[in-house]
Amino acid sequence: MNCPGCLTTGLGPGYIASFAICGLFFILGLGVLFWASRNGKLDGLDDTKFAMLQDED
């Protein structure tokens, strides 16, 4: 069996840049989630869910 190229030659700059961008988006998402939970933006989500399920006759 042949060993994958990244194990023998290391990761190229394209892979490093793409992992860095993905990590940046992950950290940004965690920050936004933390901000929303501290400011009460995530409160009352059940009310929205139940409002969508109600029939308007």
C-alpha atoms as a PDB file:
ATOM      1  CA  MET A   1       0.000   0.000   0.000  1.00  0.00           C
ATOM      2  CA  ASN A   2       1.090   3.517  -0.740  1.00  0.00           C
ATOM      3  CA  CYS A   3       1.264   6.007   2.080  1.00  0.00           C
ATOM      4  CA  PRO A   4      -0.749   9.218   1.480  1.00  0.00           C
ATOM      5  CA  GLY A   5       1.359  12.127   0.337  1.00  0.00           C
ATOM      6  CA  CYS A   6       0.569  14.320   3.323  1.00  0.00           C
ATOM      7  CA  LEU A   7       2.116  11.798   5.693  1.00  0.00           C
ATOM      8  CA  THR A   8       5.411  11.625   3.843  1.00  0.00           C
ATOM      9  CA  THR A   9       5.830  15.185   2.553  1.00  0.00           C
ATOM     10  CA  GLY A  10       3.786  17.202   5.084  1.00  0.00           C
ATOM     11  CA  LEU A  11       0.820  19.447   4.514  1.00  0.00           C
ATOM     12  CA  GLY A  12       1.076  22.074   1.834  1.00  0.00           C
ATOM     13  CA  PRO A  13       0.319  25.752   2.329  1.00  0.00           C
ATOM     14  CA  GLY A  14      -3.119  25.350   0.751  1.00  0.00           C
ATOM     15  CA  TYR A  15      -4.152  22.804   3.359  1.00  0.00           C
ATOM     16  CA  ILE A  16      -2.782  24.935   6.178  1.00  0.00           C
ATOM     17  CA  ALA A  17      -4.667  27.999   4.910  1.00  0.00           C
ATOM     18  CA  SER A  18      -7.925  26.078   4.536  1.00  0.00           C
ATOM     19  CA  PHE A  19      -7.640  24.604   8.049  1.00  0.00           C
ATOM     20  CA  ALA A  20      -6.883  28.078   9.399  1.00  0.00           C
ATOM     21  CA  ILE A  21      -9.975  29.534   7.701  1.00  0.00           C
ATOM     22  CA  CYS A  22     -12.151  26.688   9.017  1.00  0.00           C
ATOM     23  CA  GLY A  23     -10.749  27.214  12.504  1.00  0.00           C
ATOM     24  CA  LEU A  24     -11.433  30.939  12.259  1.00  0.00           C
ATOM     25  CA  PHE A  25     -15.079  30.320  11.314  1.00  0.00           C
ATOM     26  CA  PHE A  26     -15.430  27.793  14.152  1.00  0.00           C
ATOM     27  CA  ILE A  27     -14.057  30.240  16.726  1.00  0.00           C
ATOM     28  CA  LEU A  28     -16.244  33.010  15.286  1.00  0.00           C
ATOM     29  CA  GLY A  29     -19.309  30.753  15.558  1.00  0.00           C
ATOM     30  CA  LEU A  30     -18.519  29.936  19.177  1.00  0.00           C
ATOM     31  CA  GLY A  31     -18.104  33.630  19.908  1.00  0.00           C
ATOM     32  CA  VAL A  32     -21.451  34.501  18.337  1.00  0.00           C
ATOM     33  CA  LEU A  33     -23.163  31.681  20.229  1.00  0.00           C
ATOM     34  CA  PHE A  34     -21.619  32.891  23.500  1.00  0.00           C
ATOM     35  CA  TRP A  35     -22.656  36.491  22.761  1.00  0.00           C
ATOM     36  CA  ALA A  36     -26.234  35.448  21.936  1.00  0.00           C
ATOM     37  CA  SER A  37     -26.567  33.407  25.112  1.00  0.00           C
ATOM     38  CA  ARG A  38     -25.240  36.262  27.287  1.00  0.00           C
ATOM     39  CA  ASN A  39     -27.556  38.855  25.714  1.00  0.00           C
ATOM     40  CA  GLY A  40     -30.689  36.700  25.945  1.00  0.00           C
ATOM     41  CA  LYS A  41     -31.116  36.210  22.204  1.00  0.00           C
ATOM     42  CA  LEU A  42     -31.627  32.471  22.739  1.00  0.00           C
ATOM     43  CA  ASP A  43     -34.422  32.933  25.281  1.00  0.00           C
ATOM     44  CA  GLY A  44     -37.961  32.176  24.126  1.00  0.00           C
ATOM     45  CA  LEU A  45     -37.070  29.809  21.298  1.00  0.00           C
ATOM     46  CA  ASP A  46     -39.894  27.498  22.380  1.00  0.00           C
ATOM     47  CA  ASP A  47     -42.426  30.286  21.855  1.00  0.00           C
ATOM     48  CA  THR A  48     -41.356  30.595  18.227  1.00  0.00           C
ATOM     49  CA  LYS A  49     -41.596  26.844  17.730  1.00  0.00           C
ATOM     50  CA  PHE A  50     -45.104  26.668  19.170  1.00  0.00           C
ATOM     51  CA  ALA A  51     -46.216  29.730  17.183  1.00  0.00           C
ATOM     52  CA  MET A  52     -45.259  27.969  13.943  1.00  0.00           C
ATOM     53  CA  LEU A  53     -47.303  24.911  14.926  1.00  0.00           C
ATOM     54  CA  GLN A  54     -50.516  26.811  15.693  1.00  0.00           C
ATOM     55  CA  ASP A  55     -53.236  26.738  13.046  1.00  0.00           C
ATOM     56  CA  GLU A  56     -54.618  30.108  12.050  1.00  0.00           C
ATOM     57  CA  ASP A  57     -58.286  29.597  11.199  1.00  0.00           C
END
